[in-house]
Amino acid sequence: GGHADARYNLGRAEYHNGKVERAIKHWVIGANLGEDSSLEAIKRFFKGGLASKEVYASALRAHQAA
């Protein structure tokens, strides 16, 4: 769990430290909690080839359900 905004910020920090996979994990948790910026980050990474279609689709479904 964790606060959704904090998950987005943790993801940004991990990304800036070169830890893409860890960043995506934080953003998935944030998106699952309904946090829009986390979902947008995953979307950007998916479009850029850094996140899989499955990860984006799963996050999108969870975000919509939150």
C-alpha atoms as a PDB file:
ATOM      1  CA  GLY A   1       0.000   0.000   0.000  1.00  0.00           C
ATOM      2  CA  GLY A   2       1.113   3.477   0.796  1.00  0.00           C
ATOM      3  CA  HIS A   3      -0.090   6.933  -0.057  1.00  0.00           C
ATOM      4  CA  ALA A   4      -0.710   7.235  -3.804  1.00  0.00           C
ATOM      5  CA  ASP A   5       1.093  10.580  -4.246  1.00  0.00           C
ATOM      6  CA  ALA A   6       4.086   9.232  -2.341  1.00  0.00           C
ATOM      7  CA  ARG A   7       4.249   6.233  -4.685  1.00  0.00           C
ATOM      8  CA  TYR A   8       4.430   8.553  -7.692  1.00  0.00           C
ATOM      9  CA  ASN A   9       7.236  10.538  -6.076  1.00  0.00           C
ATOM     10  CA  LEU A  10       9.121   7.377  -5.090  1.00  0.00           C
ATOM     11  CA  GLY A  11       8.856   6.196  -8.688  1.00  0.00           C
ATOM     12  CA  ARG A  12      10.306   9.461  -9.962  1.00  0.00           C
ATOM     13  CA  ALA A  13      13.193   9.218  -7.507  1.00  0.00           C
ATOM     14  CA  GLU A  14      13.932   5.621  -8.526  1.00  0.00           C
ATOM     15  CA  TYR A  15      13.804   6.550 -12.214  1.00  0.00           C
ATOM     16  CA  HIS A  16      16.208   9.452 -11.686  1.00  0.00           C
ATOM     17  CA  ASN A  17      18.535   7.008  -9.918  1.00  0.00           C
ATOM     18  CA  GLY A  18      18.477   4.748 -12.972  1.00  0.00           C
ATOM     19  CA  LYS A  19      16.200   2.113 -11.460  1.00  0.00           C
ATOM     20  CA  VAL A  20      13.475   1.860 -14.100  1.00  0.00           C
ATOM     21  CA  GLU A  21      11.944  -1.419 -12.906  1.00  0.00           C
ATOM     22  CA  ARG A  22      11.629  -0.144  -9.344  1.00  0.00           C
ATOM     23  CA  ALA A  23      10.079   3.084 -10.620  1.00  0.00           C
ATOM     24  CA  ILE A  24       7.471   1.139 -12.568  1.00  0.00           C
ATOM     25  CA  LYS A  25       6.643  -0.957  -9.487  1.00  0.00           C
ATOM     26  CA  HIS A  26       5.953   2.197  -7.448  1.00  0.00           C
ATOM     27  CA  TRP A  27       3.829   3.658 -10.238  1.00  0.00           C
ATOM     28  CA  VAL A  28       1.829   0.440 -10.572  1.00  0.00           C
ATOM     29  CA  ILE A  29       0.991   0.625  -6.867  1.00  0.00           C
ATOM     30  CA  GLY A  30       0.056   4.304  -7.232  1.00  0.00           C
ATOM     31  CA  ALA A  31      -2.131   3.586 -10.265  1.00  0.00           C
ATOM     32  CA  ASN A  32      -3.804   0.734  -8.361  1.00  0.00           C
ATOM     33  CA  LEU A  33      -4.685   3.296  -5.687  1.00  0.00           C
ATOM     34  CA  GLY A  34      -6.224   5.605  -8.322  1.00  0.00           C
ATOM     35  CA  GLU A  35      -3.335   8.067  -8.658  1.00  0.00           C
ATOM     36  CA  ASP A  36      -3.448   9.685 -12.123  1.00  0.00           C
ATOM     37  CA  SER A  37       0.203  10.748 -12.437  1.00  0.00           C
ATOM     38  CA  SER A  38       1.387   7.197 -11.792  1.00  0.00           C
ATOM     39  CA  LEU A  39      -0.845   5.867 -14.555  1.00  0.00           C
ATOM     40  CA  GLU A  40       0.413   8.564 -16.925  1.00  0.00           C
ATOM     41  CA  ALA A  41       4.015   7.670 -16.097  1.00  0.00           C
ATOM     42  CA  ILE A  42       3.352   4.006 -16.906  1.00  0.00           C
ATOM     43  CA  LYS A  43       1.646   5.087 -20.136  1.00  0.00           C
ATOM     44  CA  ARG A  44       4.705   7.140 -21.151  1.00  0.00           C
ATOM     45  CA  PHE A  45       7.014   4.237 -20.351  1.00  0.00           C
ATOM     46  CA  PHE A  46       4.802   1.834 -22.308  1.00  0.00           C
ATOM     47  CA  LYS A  47       4.810   4.143 -25.344  1.00  0.00           C
ATOM     48  CA  GLY A  48       8.589   4.473 -25.010  1.00  0.00           C
ATOM     49  CA  GLY A  49       9.088   0.720 -24.799  1.00  0.00           C
ATOM     50  CA  LEU A  50      10.147   0.660 -21.141  1.00  0.00           C
ATOM     51  CA  ALA A  51       6.970  -0.923 -19.744  1.00  0.00           C
ATOM     52  CA  SER A  52       5.156  -3.936 -21.162  1.00  0.00           C
ATOM     53  CA  LYS A  53       1.665  -3.848 -22.613  1.00  0.00           C
ATOM     54  CA  GLU A  54       0.587  -6.227 -19.844  1.00  0.00           C
ATOM     55  CA  VAL A  55       1.853  -3.909 -17.102  1.00  0.00           C
ATOM     56  CA  TYR A  56       0.116  -0.895 -18.646  1.00  0.00           C
ATOM     57  CA  ALA A  57      -3.144  -2.766 -19.278  1.00  0.00           C
ATOM     58  CA  SER A  58      -3.216  -4.158 -15.746  1.00  0.00           C
ATOM     59  CA  ALA A  59      -2.491  -0.736 -14.227  1.00  0.00           C
ATOM     60  CA  LEU A  60      -5.173   0.869 -16.399  1.00  0.00           C
ATOM     61  CA  ARG A  61      -7.798  -1.668 -15.280  1.00  0.00           C
ATOM     62  CA  ALA A  62      -6.871  -1.277 -11.613  1.00  0.00           C
ATOM     63  CA  HIS A  63      -6.841   2.518 -11.883  1.00  0.00           C
ATOM     64  CA  GLN A  64     -10.311   2.520 -13.427  1.00  0.00           C
ATOM     65  CA  ALA A  65     -11.579   0.244 -10.648  1.00  0.00           C
ATOM     66  CA  ALA A  66     -10.069   2.382  -7.857  1.00  0.00           C
END
